C-alpha atoms as a PDB file:
ATOM      1  CA  MET A   1      81.875  52.236-114.432  1.00  0.00           C
ATOM      2  CA  LYS A   2      83.065  53.149-117.907  1.00  0.00           C
ATOM      3  CA  PHE A   3      83.973  50.577-120.530  1.00  0.00           C
ATOM      4  CA  VAL A   4      86.597  51.376-123.158  1.00  0.00           C
ATOM      5  CA  GLY A   5      87.035  49.540-126.451  1.00  0.00           C
ATOM      6  CA  VAL A   6      90.366  50.075-128.198  1.00  0.00           C
ATOM      7  CA  ASP A   7      91.179  49.480-131.863  1.00  0.00           C
ATOM      8  CA  LEU A   8      94.977  49.428-131.810  1.00  0.00           C
ATOM      9  CA  HIS A   9      97.222  49.868-134.824  1.00  0.00           C
ATOM     10  CA  LYS A  10     100.936  50.454-135.273  1.00  0.00           C
ATOM     11  CA  LYS A  11     100.616  54.241-135.540  1.00  0.00           C
ATOM     12  CA  THR A  12      97.109  55.158-134.331  1.00  0.00           C
ATOM     13  CA  ILE A  13      94.633  54.208-131.611  1.00  0.00           C
ATOM     14  CA  SER A  14      90.854  54.561-131.801  1.00  0.00           C
ATOM     15  CA  LEU A  15      88.869  54.589-128.532  1.00  0.00           C
ATOM     16  CA  CYS A  16      85.206  54.311-127.713  1.00  0.00           C
ATOM     17  CA  VAL A  17      83.898  54.856-124.164  1.00  0.00           C
ATOM     18  CA  VAL A  18      80.472  53.512-123.175  1.00  0.00           C
ATOM     19  CA  VAL A  19      78.429  53.130-119.994  1.00  0.00           C
ATOM     20  CA  LYS A  20      75.726  50.632-119.173  1.00  0.00           C
ATOM     21  CA  ALA A  21      72.576  51.857-117.451  1.00  0.00           C
ATOM     22  CA  ARG A  22      69.282  49.947-117.037  1.00  0.00           C
ATOM     23  CA  GLY A  23      70.364  47.352-119.547  1.00  0.00           C
ATOM     24  CA  LYS A  24      71.106  49.912-122.256  1.00  0.00           C
ATOM     25  CA  ILE A  25      74.504  50.988-123.505  1.00  0.00           C
ATOM     26  CA  LYS A  26      75.278  54.608-124.202  1.00  0.00           C
ATOM     27  CA  VAL A  27      78.320  55.982-126.017  1.00  0.00           C
ATOM     28  CA  LEU A  28      79.990  58.686-123.931  1.00  0.00           C
ATOM     29  CA  GLY A  29      82.750  59.643-126.339  1.00  0.00           C
ATOM     30  CA  ARG A  30      85.287  58.689-128.927  1.00  0.00           C
ATOM     31  CA  LYS A  31      88.955  59.557-129.226  1.00  0.00           C
ATOM     32  CA  ARG A  32      91.808  58.986-131.636  1.00  0.00           C
ATOM     33  CA  PHE A  33      95.489  59.187-130.668  1.00  0.00           C
ATOM     34  CA  CYS A  34      98.854  58.607-132.226  1.00  0.00           C
ATOM     35  CA  CYS A  35     100.834  55.805-130.585  1.00  0.00           C
ATOM     36  CA  ARG A  36     103.657  58.245-129.882  1.00  0.00           C
ATOM     37  CA  PRO A  37     103.956  60.014-127.538  1.00  0.00           C
ATOM     38  CA  THR A  38     102.154  57.965-124.913  1.00  0.00           C
ATOM     39  CA  GLU A  39     101.615  60.766-122.359  1.00  0.00           C
ATOM     40  CA  PRO A  40      98.365  62.066-123.952  1.00  0.00           C
ATOM     41  CA  ILE A  41      96.960  58.526-123.966  1.00  0.00           C
ATOM     42  CA  ALA A  42      97.752  58.032-120.276  1.00  0.00           C
ATOM     43  CA  ARG A  43      96.270  61.453-119.363  1.00  0.00           C
ATOM     44  CA  TYR A  44      93.035  60.658-121.161  1.00  0.00           C
ATOM     45  CA  PHE A  45      92.608  57.311-119.404  1.00  0.00           C
ATOM     46  CA  LYS A  46      93.337  58.914-116.044  1.00  0.00           C
ATOM     47  CA  SER A  47      90.536  61.399-116.691  1.00  0.00           C
ATOM     48  CA  LEU A  48      88.025  58.560-117.061  1.00  0.00           C
ATOM     49  CA  GLU A  49      88.275  57.676-113.358  1.00  0.00           C
ATOM     50  CA  LYS A  50      87.026  54.090-112.848  1.00  0.00           C
ATOM     51  CA  PHE A  51      87.083  52.094-116.074  1.00  0.00           C
ATOM     52  CA  GLN A  52      87.597  48.727-117.726  1.00  0.00           C
ATOM     53  CA  MET A  53      89.423  48.374-121.020  1.00  0.00           C
ATOM     54  CA  THR A  54      89.639  45.751-123.790  1.00  0.00           C
ATOM     55  CA  VAL A  55      91.929  45.515-126.809  1.00  0.00           C
ATOM     56  CA  GLU A  56      92.435  42.753-129.377  1.00  0.00           C
ATOM     57  CA  SER A  57      95.507  40.557-129.173  1.00  0.00           C
ATOM     58  CA  THR A  58      97.394  42.023-132.117  1.00  0.00           C
ATOM     59  CA  ILE A  59     101.092  42.597-132.791  1.00  0.00           C
ATOM     60  CA  GLY A  60     102.470  45.111-130.319  1.00  0.00           C
ATOM     61  CA  TYR A  61      99.572  45.176-127.838  1.00  0.00           C
ATOM     62  CA  GLU A  62     101.859  44.532-124.834  1.00  0.00           C
ATOM     63  CA  TRP A  63     103.156  48.091-124.454  1.00  0.00           C
ATOM     64  CA  PHE A  64      99.610  49.445-124.482  1.00  0.00           C
ATOM     65  CA  VAL A  65      98.335  46.972-121.906  1.00  0.00           C
ATOM     66  CA  HIS A  66     101.255  47.779-119.565  1.00  0.00           C
ATOM     67  CA  LEU A  67     100.550  51.516-119.978  1.00  0.00           C
ATOM     68  CA  ILE A  68      96.901  51.147-119.023  1.00  0.00           C
ATOM     69  CA  GLU A  69      97.457  48.640-116.197  1.00  0.00           C
ATOM     70  CA  ALA A  70      99.742  51.160-114.461  1.00  0.00           C
ATOM     71  CA  ILE A  71      96.823  53.611-114.068  1.00  0.00           C
ATOM     72  CA  ASP A  72      95.295  53.465-110.575  1.00  0.00           C
ATOM     73  CA  ASP A  73      91.664  53.744-111.734  1.00  0.00           C
ATOM     74  CA  CYS A  74      91.980  50.804-114.140  1.00  0.00           C
ATOM     75  CA  ARG A  75      89.791  48.022-112.763  1.00  0.00           C
ATOM     76  CA  ARG A  76      90.303  45.406-115.437  1.00  0.00           C
ATOM     77  CA  VAL A  77      92.119  44.880-118.729  1.00  0.00           C
ATOM     78  CA  VAL A  78      90.819  42.188-121.087  1.00  0.00           C
ATOM     79  CA  VAL A  79      92.779  41.115-124.151  1.00  0.00           C
ATOM     80  CA  ALA A  80      90.254  39.916-126.713  1.00  0.00           C
ATOM     81  CA  HIS A  81      90.872  36.800-128.771  1.00  0.00           C
ATOM     82  CA  PRO A  82      90.934  38.096-132.395  1.00  0.00           C
ATOM     83  CA  SER A  83      89.828  34.868-134.075  1.00  0.00           C
ATOM     84  CA  LYS A  84      86.799  34.631-131.801  1.00  0.00           C
ATOM     85  CA  MET A  85      85.711  38.216-132.389  1.00  0.00           C
ATOM     86  CA  ARG A  86      84.307  37.301-135.809  1.00  0.00           C
ATOM     87  CA  VAL A  87      81.565  39.873-135.422  1.00  0.00           C
ATOM     88  CA  ILE A  88      84.257  42.467-136.257  1.00  0.00           C
ATOM     89  CA  ALA A  89      86.103  40.526-138.934  1.00  0.00           C
ATOM     90  CA  GLU A  90      82.925  39.589-140.804  1.00  0.00           C
ATOM     91  CA  SER A  91      81.231  42.964-140.505  1.00  0.00           C
ATOM     92  CA  THR A  92      80.024  44.505-143.784  1.00  0.00           C
ATOM     93  CA  CYS A  93      80.697  48.000-142.449  1.00  0.00           C
ATOM     94  CA  LYS A  94      84.111  47.880-140.802  1.00  0.00           C
ATOM     95  CA  THR A  95      85.896  51.014-139.573  1.00  0.00           C
ATOM     96  CA  ASP A  96      88.197  51.754-136.656  1.00  0.00           C
ATOM     97  CA  LYS A  97      85.400  53.667-134.935  1.00  0.00           C
ATOM     98  CA  ILE A  98      82.914  50.801-135.283  1.00  0.00           C
ATOM     99  CA  ASP A  99      85.470  48.191-134.199  1.00  0.00           C
ATOM    100  CA  ALA A 100      86.233  50.149-131.021  1.00  0.00           C
ATOM    101  CA  GLN A 101      82.532  50.539-130.251  1.00  0.00           C
ATOM    102  CA  ILE A 102      81.817  46.820-130.723  1.00  0.00           C
ATOM    103  CA  LEU A 103      84.660  45.935-128.375  1.00  0.00           C
ATOM    104  CA  ALA A 104      83.398  48.422-125.768  1.00  0.00           C
ATOM    105  CA  GLU A 105      79.811  47.071-125.968  1.00  0.00           C
ATOM    106  CA  PHE A 106      80.976  43.463-125.680  1.00  0.00           C
ATOM    107  CA  LEU A 107      83.052  44.400-122.648  1.00  0.00           C
ATOM    108  CA  ALA A 108      80.092  46.158-121.026  1.00  0.00           C
ATOM    109  CA  ARG A 109      78.018  42.995-121.486  1.00  0.00           C
ATOM    110  CA  ASP A 110      80.920  40.820-120.251  1.00  0.00           C
ATOM    111  CA  MET A 111      80.965  38.906-123.568  1.00  0.00           C
ATOM    112  CA  ILE A 112      84.617  39.394-124.589  1.00  0.00           C
ATOM    113  CA  PRO A 113      86.359  36.093-125.473  1.00  0.00           C
ATOM    114  CA  ALA A 114      89.565  36.659-123.507  1.00  0.00           C
ATOM    115  CA  ALA A 115      92.987  35.609-124.769  1.00  0.00           C
ATOM    116  CA  TRP A 116      95.757  34.407-122.477  1.00  0.00           C
ATOM    117  CA  MET A 117      98.458  36.990-121.778  1.00  0.00           C
ATOM    118  CA  PRO A 118     101.915  35.361-121.449  1.00  0.00           C
ATOM    119  CA  THR A 119     104.150  36.347-118.569  1.00  0.00           C
ATOM    120  CA  PRO A 120     107.305  38.421-119.254  1.00  0.00           C
ATOM    121  CA  ARG A 121     109.459  35.284-118.945  1.00  0.00           C
ATOM    122  CA  VAL A 122     107.325  33.363-121.416  1.00  0.00           C
ATOM    123  CA  ARG A 123     107.469  36.274-123.846  1.00  0.00           C
ATOM    124  CA  GLN A 124     111.261  36.344-123.555  1.00  0.00           C
ATOM    125  CA  HIS A 125     111.423  32.574-124.000  1.00  0.00           C
ATOM    126  CA  ARG A 126     109.205  32.758-127.099  1.00  0.00           C
ATOM    127  CA  SER A 127     111.373  35.458-128.651  1.00  0.00           C
ATOM    128  CA  LEU A 128     114.505  33.355-128.246  1.00  0.00           C
ATOM    129  CA  VAL A 129     112.964  30.093-129.436  1.00  0.00           C
ATOM    130  CA  ARG A 130     111.248  31.679-132.431  1.00  0.00           C
ATOM    131  CA  HIS A 131     114.450  33.424-133.416  1.00  0.00           C
ATOM    132  CA  ARG A 132     116.255  30.089-133.326  1.00  0.00           C
ATOM    133  CA  TYR A 133     113.461  28.449-135.341  1.00  0.00           C
ATOM    134  CA  ARG A 134     113.598  31.120-138.052  1.00  0.00           C
ATOM    135  CA  THR A 135     117.386  30.785-138.230  1.00  0.00           C
ATOM    136  CA  GLN A 136     117.117  27.029-138.652  1.00  0.00           C
ATOM    137  CA  VAL A 137     114.460  27.433-141.325  1.00  0.00           C
ATOM    138  CA  ARG A 138     116.683  29.876-143.202  1.00  0.00           C
ATOM    139  CA  ILE A 139     119.594  27.399-143.132  1.00  0.00           C
ATOM    140  CA  THR A 140     117.348  24.617-144.458  1.00  0.00           C
ATOM    141  CA  GLN A 141     116.046  26.863-147.251  1.00  0.00           C
ATOM    142  CA  MET A 142     119.532  27.790-148.369  1.00  0.00           C
ATOM    143  CA  LYS A 143     120.715  24.175-148.306  1.00  0.00           C
ATOM    144  CA  ASN A 144     117.737  23.122-150.419  1.00  0.00           C
ATOM    145  CA  ARG A 145     118.486  25.846-152.932  1.00  0.00           C
ATOM    146  CA  CYS A 146     122.109  24.706-153.190  1.00  0.00           C
ATOM    147  CA  ARG A 147     121.141  21.103-153.763  1.00  0.00           C
ATOM    148  CA  GLY A 148     118.459  22.165-156.220  1.00  0.00           C
ATOM    149  CA  MET A 149     121.008  24.087-158.242  1.00  0.00           C
ATOM    150  CA  LEU A 150     123.336  21.067-158.421  1.00  0.00           C
ATOM    151  CA  ALA A 151     120.411  18.801-159.300  1.00  0.00           C
ATOM    152  CA  ARG A 152     120.143  20.654-162.611  1.00  0.00           C
ATOM    153  CA  TYR A 153     123.605  19.271-163.400  1.00  0.00           C
ATOM    154  CA  ASN A 154     122.718  15.789-162.096  1.00  0.00           C
ATOM    155  CA  GLU A 155     125.219  16.353-159.289  1.00  0.00           C
ATOM    156  CA  ASP A 156     122.953  16.432-156.223  1.00  0.00           C
ATOM    157  CA  ARG A 157     124.619  14.775-153.242  1.00  0.00           C
ATOM    158  CA  ALA A 158     123.817  14.370-149.560  1.00  0.00           C
ATOM    159  CA  SER A 159     127.444  15.087-148.636  1.00  0.00           C
ATOM    160  CA  LEU A 160     127.413  18.535-150.253  1.00  0.00           C
ATOM    161  CA  PHE A 161     127.797  20.412-146.970  1.00  0.00           C
ATOM    162  CA  THR A 162     130.825  18.522-145.789  1.00  0.00           C
ATOM    163  CA  LYS A 163     134.259  19.964-146.491  1.00  0.00           C
ATOM    164  CA  ASP A 164     135.067  17.401-149.193  1.00  0.00           C
ATOM    165  CA  GLY A 165     131.583  17.578-150.702  1.00  0.00           C
ATOM    166  CA  TRP A 166     131.719  21.354-151.038  1.00  0.00           C
ATOM    167  CA  THR A 167     135.189  21.214-152.604  1.00  0.00           C
ATOM    168  CA  GLU A 168     133.969  18.705-155.196  1.00  0.00           C
ATOM    169  CA  ALA A 169     130.943  20.892-155.966  1.00  0.00           C
ATOM    170  CA  MET A 170     133.151  23.920-156.579  1.00  0.00           C
ATOM    171  CA  SER A 171     135.229  21.910-159.074  1.00  0.00           C
ATOM    172  CA  LEU A 172     132.216  21.042-161.218  1.00  0.00           C
ATOM    173  CA  PRO A 173     131.805  22.735-164.651  1.00  0.00           C
ATOM    174  CA  LEU A 174     129.063  25.116-163.485  1.00  0.00           C
ATOM    175  CA  LEU A 175     128.100  28.385-165.120  1.00  0.00           C
ATOM    176  CA  GLU A 176     130.141  31.238-163.638  1.00  0.00           C
ATOM    177  CA  SER A 177     127.035  33.063-162.398  1.00  0.00           C
ATOM    178  CA  GLU A 178     125.681  29.924-160.710  1.00  0.00           C
ATOM    179  CA  LYS A 179     129.045  29.157-159.133  1.00  0.00           C
ATOM    180  CA  TRP A 180     129.102  32.677-157.709  1.00  0.00           C
ATOM    181  CA  ILE A 181     125.546  32.227-156.361  1.00  0.00           C
ATOM    182  CA  LEU A 182     126.548  28.907-154.806  1.00  0.00           C
ATOM    183  CA  CYS A 183     129.484  30.584-153.047  1.00  0.00           C
ATOM    184  CA  GLU A 184     127.209  33.340-151.747  1.00  0.00           C
ATOM    185  CA  MET A 185     124.691  30.849-150.398  1.00  0.00           C
ATOM    186  CA  GLY A 186     127.474  28.781-148.808  1.00  0.00           C
ATOM    187  CA  ALA A 187     128.716  31.897-147.033  1.00  0.00           C
ATOM    188  CA  GLU A 188     125.220  32.650-145.774  1.00  0.00           C
ATOM    189  CA  ILE A 189     124.797  29.085-144.529  1.00  0.00           C
ATOM    190  CA  ARG A 190     128.005  29.387-142.503  1.00  0.00           C
ATOM    191  CA  THR A 191     126.919  32.762-141.112  1.00  0.00           C
ATOM    192  CA  GLN A 192     123.471  31.474-140.165  1.00  0.00           C
ATOM    193  CA  ALA A 193     125.105  28.421-138.534  1.00  0.00           C
ATOM    194  CA  LYS A 194     127.036  30.801-136.274  1.00  0.00           C
ATOM    195  CA  PHE A 195     123.815  32.603-135.416  1.00  0.00           C
ATOM    196  CA  LEU A 196     122.242  29.239-134.598  1.00  0.00           C
ATOM    197  CA  LYS A 197     125.057  28.441-132.170  1.00  0.00           C
ATOM    198  CA  HIS A 198     124.646  31.855-130.532  1.00  0.00           C
ATOM    199  CA  ALA A 199     120.904  31.232-130.141  1.00  0.00           C
ATOM    200  CA  ASP A 200     121.539  27.828-128.579  1.00  0.00           C
ATOM    201  CA  ALA A 201     123.996  29.365-126.135  1.00  0.00           C
ATOM    202  CA  GLN A 202     121.520  32.092-125.226  1.00  0.00           C
ATOM    203  CA  LEU A 203     118.802  29.471-124.591  1.00  0.00           C
ATOM    204  CA  VAL A 204     121.182  27.558-122.335  1.00  0.00           C
ATOM    205  CA  GLU A 205     121.771  30.713-120.293  1.00  0.00           C
ATOM    206  CA  PHE A 206     118.047  31.353-120.208  1.00  0.00           C
ATOM    207  CA  ALA A 207     117.350  27.841-118.880  1.00  0.00           C
ATOM    208  CA  GLU A 208     119.862  28.346-116.081  1.00  0.00           C
ATOM    209  CA  THR A 209     117.695  31.158-114.679  1.00  0.00           C
ATOM    210  CA  ALA A 210     114.548  28.997-114.700  1.00  0.00           C
ATOM    211  CA  THR A 211     112.229  28.794-111.717  1.00  0.00           C
ATOM    212  CA  ALA A 212     111.950  25.592-109.708  1.00  0.00           C
ATOM    213  CA  ILE A 213     108.702  24.681-111.511  1.00  0.00           C
ATOM    214  CA  GLU A 214     110.236  25.220-114.919  1.00  0.00           C
ATOM    215  CA  ARG A 215     113.307  23.167-114.034  1.00  0.00           C
ATOM    216  CA  GLU A 216     111.036  20.355-112.903  1.00  0.00           C
ATOM    217  CA  GLN A 217     109.061  20.543-116.141  1.00  0.00           C
ATOM    218  CA  ARG A 218     112.260  20.322-118.180  1.00  0.00           C
ATOM    219  CA  GLU A 219     113.350  17.240-116.255  1.00  0.00           C
ATOM    220  CA  LEU A 220     109.949  15.579-116.690  1.00  0.00           C
ATOM    221  CA  LEU A 221     109.815  16.190-120.433  1.00  0.00           C
ATOM    222  CA  ALA A 222     113.361  14.857-120.829  1.00  0.00           C
ATOM    223  CA  THR A 223     112.103  11.434-119.671  1.00  0.00           C
ATOM    224  CA  MET A 224     110.117  11.067-122.911  1.00  0.00           C
ATOM    225  CA  PRO A 225     111.858   9.189-125.749  1.00  0.00           C
ATOM    226  CA  GLY A 226     112.806  11.414-128.642  1.00  0.00           C
ATOM    227  CA  VAL A 227     112.405  14.647-126.682  1.00  0.00           C
ATOM    228  CA  GLY A 228     115.468  16.853-126.695  1.00  0.00           C
ATOM    229  CA  VAL A 229     116.350  20.371-125.644  1.00  0.00           C
ATOM    230  CA  VAL A 230     114.795  21.987-128.729  1.00  0.00           C
ATOM    231  CA  THR A 231     111.487  20.205-128.300  1.00  0.00           C
ATOM    232  CA  ILE A 232     111.407  21.098-124.601  1.00  0.00           C
ATOM    233  CA  ASP A 233     112.012  24.767-125.335  1.00  0.00           C
ATOM    234  CA  VAL A 234     109.310  24.843-127.999  1.00  0.00           C
ATOM    235  CA  VAL A 235     106.750  23.124-125.790  1.00  0.00           C
ATOM    236  CA  LEU A 236     107.374  25.269-122.724  1.00  0.00           C
ATOM    237  CA  CYS A 237     107.393  28.614-124.535  1.00  0.00           C
ATOM    238  CA  GLU A 238     104.407  27.898-126.769  1.00  0.00           C
ATOM    239  CA  LEU A 239     102.134  26.256-124.195  1.00  0.00           C
ATOM    240  CA  GLY A 240     103.098  28.524-121.319  1.00  0.00           C
ATOM    241  CA  ASP A 241     100.973  27.612-118.317  1.00  0.00           C
ATOM    242  CA  VAL A 242      99.365  24.302-119.280  1.00  0.00           C
ATOM    243  CA  ARG A 243      96.645  24.851-116.661  1.00  0.00           C
ATOM    244  CA  ARG A 244      95.066  27.476-118.887  1.00  0.00           C
ATOM    245  CA  PHE A 245      93.760  24.606-121.016  1.00  0.00           C
ATOM    246  CA  THR A 246      90.813  22.729-119.541  1.00  0.00           C
ATOM    247  CA  ASN A 247      91.423  19.526-121.505  1.00  0.00           C
ATOM    248  CA  SER A 248      93.698  17.876-124.051  1.00  0.00           C
ATOM    249  CA  LYS A 249      91.392  18.746-126.956  1.00  0.00           C
ATOM    250  CA  GLN A 250      92.070  22.438-126.402  1.00  0.00           C
ATOM    251  CA  ILE A 251      95.830  21.829-126.469  1.00  0.00           C
ATOM    252  CA  VAL A 252      95.558  19.806-129.678  1.00  0.00           C
ATOM    253  CA  SER A 253      93.458  22.603-131.197  1.00  0.00           C
ATOM    254  CA  TYR A 254      95.998  25.199-130.073  1.00  0.00           C
ATOM    255  CA  ALA A 255      98.677  23.337-132.028  1.00  0.00           C
ATOM    256  CA  GLY A 256      96.421  23.087-135.090  1.00  0.00           C
ATOM    257  CA  LEU A 257      96.556  19.276-135.029  1.00  0.00           C
ATOM    258  CA  ASP A 258      92.800  18.824-134.571  1.00  0.00           C
ATOM    259  CA  PRO A 259      91.118  17.102-137.539  1.00  0.00           C
ATOM    260  CA  GLY A 260      88.098  18.777-139.079  1.00  0.00           C
ATOM    261  CA  VAL A 261      84.799  17.151-139.993  1.00  0.00           C
ATOM    262  CA  ARG A 262      81.829  18.232-142.092  1.00  0.00           C
ATOM    263  CA  GLU A 263      78.526  16.444-141.554  1.00  0.00           C
ATOM    264  CA  SER A 264      75.089  17.102-143.020  1.00  0.00           C
ATOM    265  CA  ASP A 265      72.037  14.863-143.439  1.00  0.00           C
ATOM    266  CA  ARG A 266      73.896  11.748-142.285  1.00  0.00           C
ATOM    267  CA  LYS A 267      76.719  12.422-144.725  1.00  0.00           C
ATOM    268  CA  ARG A 268      80.100  12.791-143.088  1.00  0.00           C
ATOM    269  CA  LYS A 269      83.384  13.958-144.591  1.00  0.00           C
ATOM    270  CA  ASP A 270      86.644  13.964-142.698  1.00  0.00           C
ATOM    271  CA  LEU A 271      88.758  17.059-143.348  1.00  0.00           C
ATOM    272  CA  GLY A 272      92.438  17.768-142.785  1.00  0.00           C
ATOM    273  CA  ILE A 273      93.872  19.317-139.634  1.00  0.00           C
ATOM    274  CA  SER A 274      92.949  22.907-138.915  1.00  0.00           C
ATOM    275  CA  ARG A 275      96.570  24.222-138.972  1.00  0.00           C
ATOM    276  CA  ALA A 276      95.450  27.005-136.615  1.00  0.00           C
ATOM    277  CA  GLY A 277      97.409  28.188-133.598  1.00  0.00           C
ATOM    278  CA  SER A 278     101.123  27.659-133.084  1.00  0.00           C
ATOM    279  CA  LYS A 279     102.915  26.616-136.281  1.00  0.00           C
ATOM    280  CA  MET A 280     106.173  26.027-134.422  1.00  0.00           C
ATOM    281  CA  LEU A 281     104.539  23.708-131.844  1.00  0.00           C
ATOM    282  CA  ARG A 282     102.891  21.761-134.670  1.00  0.00           C
ATOM    283  CA  TRP A 283     106.276  21.425-136.422  1.00  0.00           C
ATOM    284  CA  ALA A 284     107.948  20.234-133.208  1.00  0.00           C
ATOM    285  CA  MET A 285     105.280  17.576-132.638  1.00  0.00           C
ATOM    286  CA  ILE A 286     105.535  16.237-136.191  1.00  0.00           C
ATOM    287  CA  GLN A 287     109.318  15.991-135.859  1.00  0.00           C
ATOM    288  CA  LEU A 288     108.927  14.254-132.495  1.00  0.00           C
ATOM    289  CA  ALA A 289     106.431  11.805-134.007  1.00  0.00           C
ATOM    290  CA  TRP A 290     108.917  10.760-136.700  1.00  0.00           C
ATOM    291  CA  ARG A 291     111.629  10.262-134.089  1.00  0.00           C
ATOM    292  CA  VAL A 292     109.512   8.047-131.799  1.00  0.00           C
ATOM    293  CA  VAL A 293     108.303   6.028-134.765  1.00  0.00           C
ATOM    294  CA  ARG A 294     111.909   5.289-135.716  1.00  0.00           C
ATOM    295  CA  GLN A 295     113.065   4.630-132.121  1.00  0.00           C
ATOM    296  CA  SER A 296     110.136   2.790-130.554  1.00  0.00           C
ATOM    297  CA  ALA A 297     108.730  -0.574-131.712  1.00  0.00           C
ATOM    298  CA  ARG A 298     105.392   0.168-130.015  1.00  0.00           C
ATOM    299  CA  TRP A 299     104.893   3.492-131.792  1.00  0.00           C
ATOM    300  CA  ARG A 300     106.160   2.020-135.058  1.00  0.00           C
ATOM    301  CA  TYR A 301     103.567  -0.753-134.830  1.00  0.00           C
ATOM    302  CA  ARG A 302     100.794   1.760-134.156  1.00  0.00           C
ATOM    303  CA  TYR A 303     102.009   3.969-137.010  1.00  0.00           C
ATOM    304  CA  ASP A 304     101.994   1.036-139.444  1.00  0.00           C
ATOM    305  CA  GLN A 305      98.412   0.197-138.427  1.00  0.00           C
ATOM    306  CA  LEU A 306      97.226   3.728-139.023  1.00  0.00           C
ATOM    307  CA  LYS A 307      99.220   4.021-142.246  1.00  0.00           C
ATOM    308  CA  GLN A 308      97.423   1.049-143.761  1.00  0.00           C
ATOM    309  CA  ARG A 309      94.010   2.601-143.051  1.00  0.00           C
ATOM    310  CA  ARG A 310      94.605   6.336-143.431  1.00  0.00           C
ATOM    311  CA  GLY A 311      97.908   6.897-145.244  1.00  0.00           C
ATOM    312  CA  ALA A 312     101.336   8.024-144.054  1.00  0.00           C
ATOM    313  CA  LYS A 313     100.565  11.726-143.512  1.00  0.00           C
ATOM    314  CA  LYS A 314      97.440  11.165-141.457  1.00  0.00           C
ATOM    315  CA  ALA A 315      99.155   8.402-139.517  1.00  0.00           C
ATOM    316  CA  ILE A 316     102.121  10.535-138.472  1.00  0.00           C
ATOM    317  CA  THR A 317      99.789  13.400-137.605  1.00  0.00           C
ATOM    318  CA  ALA A 318      97.822  11.065-135.333  1.00  0.00           C
ATOM    319  CA  ILE A 319     101.052  10.027-133.605  1.00  0.00           C
ATOM    320  CA  ALA A 320     102.062  13.704-133.201  1.00  0.00           C
ATOM    321  CA  ARG A 321      98.645  14.483-131.734  1.00  0.00           C
ATOM    322  CA  ARG A 322      99.008  11.671-129.233  1.00  0.00           C
ATOM    323  CA  GLN A 323     102.543  12.757-128.289  1.00  0.00           C
ATOM    324  CA  LEU A 324     101.210  16.245-127.511  1.00  0.00           C
ATOM    325  CA  THR A 325      98.488  14.875-125.233  1.00  0.00           C
ATOM    326  CA  ILE A 326     101.118  12.821-123.381  1.00  0.00           C
ATOM    327  CA  ILE A 327     103.267  15.930-122.946  1.00  0.00           C
ATOM    328  CA  ALA A 328     100.267  17.841-121.605  1.00  0.00           C
ATOM    329  CA  ALA A 329      99.511  15.040-119.139  1.00  0.00           C
ATOM    330  CA  ILE A 330     103.107  14.999-117.919  1.00  0.00           C
ATOM    331  CA  LEU A 331     103.105  18.761-117.350  1.00  0.00           C
ATOM    332  CA  ARG A 332      99.715  18.702-115.672  1.00  0.00           C
ATOM    333  CA  THR A 333     100.300  15.744-113.311  1.00  0.00           C
ATOM    334  CA  GLY A 334     104.030  16.164-112.686  1.00  0.00           C
ATOM    335  CA  GLU A 335     104.678  12.471-113.349  1.00  0.00           C
ATOM    336  CA  CYS A 336     107.450  11.017-115.483  1.00  0.00           C
ATOM    337  CA  TYR A 337     106.793   9.348-118.815  1.00  0.00           C
ATOM    338  CA  ASN A 338     105.551   5.764-118.514  1.00  0.00           C
ATOM    339  CA  VAL A 339     105.978   3.818-121.726  1.00  0.00           C
ATOM    340  CA  HIS A 340     103.419   1.108-120.824  1.00  0.00           C
ATOM    341  CA  ASP A 341     100.654   3.493-119.786  1.00  0.00           C
ATOM    342  CA  SER A 342     101.161   5.727-122.820  1.00  0.00           C
ATOM    343  CA  ALA A 343     101.142   2.806-125.234  1.00  0.00           C
ATOM    344  CA  LYS A 344      97.918   1.388-123.781  1.00  0.00           C
ATOM    345  CA  SER A 345      96.273   4.789-123.834  1.00  0.00           C
ATOM    346  CA  ALA A 346      97.407   5.403-127.411  1.00  0.00           C
ATOM    347  CA  THR A 347      95.846   2.116-128.506  1.00  0.00           C
ATOM    348  CA  ARG A 348      92.516   2.993-126.849  1.00  0.00           C
ATOM    349  CA  LYS A 349      92.491   6.514-128.293  1.00  0.00           C
ATOM    350  CA  ALA A 350      93.283   5.498-131.864  1.00  0.00           C
ATOM    351  CA  ALA A 351      91.065   2.435-131.897  1.00  0.00           C
END
């Protein structure tokens, strides 16, 4: 059996082929290809006969994995988790050739930290949801810039983006250049708002083609207070198959909501959250936490308790973390949201 380590880039690919015999690893050969055309790459892998291959989970790895998986002699493809392959990132002598060899040797020893590969439907869902998220972020940025510009004239107003509010803003004695900029940003906001509606419509069509399991998950998540269509889409596309997580701590860590701690010689210091993993999932959970705090007396009471001890930011983060664990439990068990059970559990967890 041959083991192939691949260092994949946008334009080039570096390969290292090794074999394992009597506990020792021997390099059989190295190759370097351009990403286009793909026929020479496929021919080379076919010439290896039986082999296993590993590549890091980088941008654009999907096409390469699909190309190799279609080869009959491919016995296994492992996508390596880049953040866990620190032996490469922290190496003092780092080249494409060395990176490929390290990956091949780790694969031969069965030591590759594997990353989860999303299904084609999850990848499509992620593309749509992330496009919508970026569009919404762009709208928010432009609105903040407009209000910031008017704030310099002491004319900031919450009603700026209504029809009457915008008309009043245009009648203010602004500098001609700034008035022109304001018009340009207003036009972009309207354009981006159309794109946002198109994205929402596309997501509705996507949800109509959902499998029975996905439809059930959407219905279950909708039973939670404060959870709407946007939150459901973010959760389902970012978590994917919730069974790939062995416990709730892994899900919290995936969202970057896990608090850090540094302890040495009986001295302990609590750190902020890691902010690793899915930024969009973390954003959705924080937004959900603020909604449930406003809508639910139980969660408001728990938030006020935490706020007195830890401050507002840490308190709302703790609520968001708990909301995510509840979502994970709902998806894992297939049971609807139970306000009494969740409130009791939240009290025990945060105590």
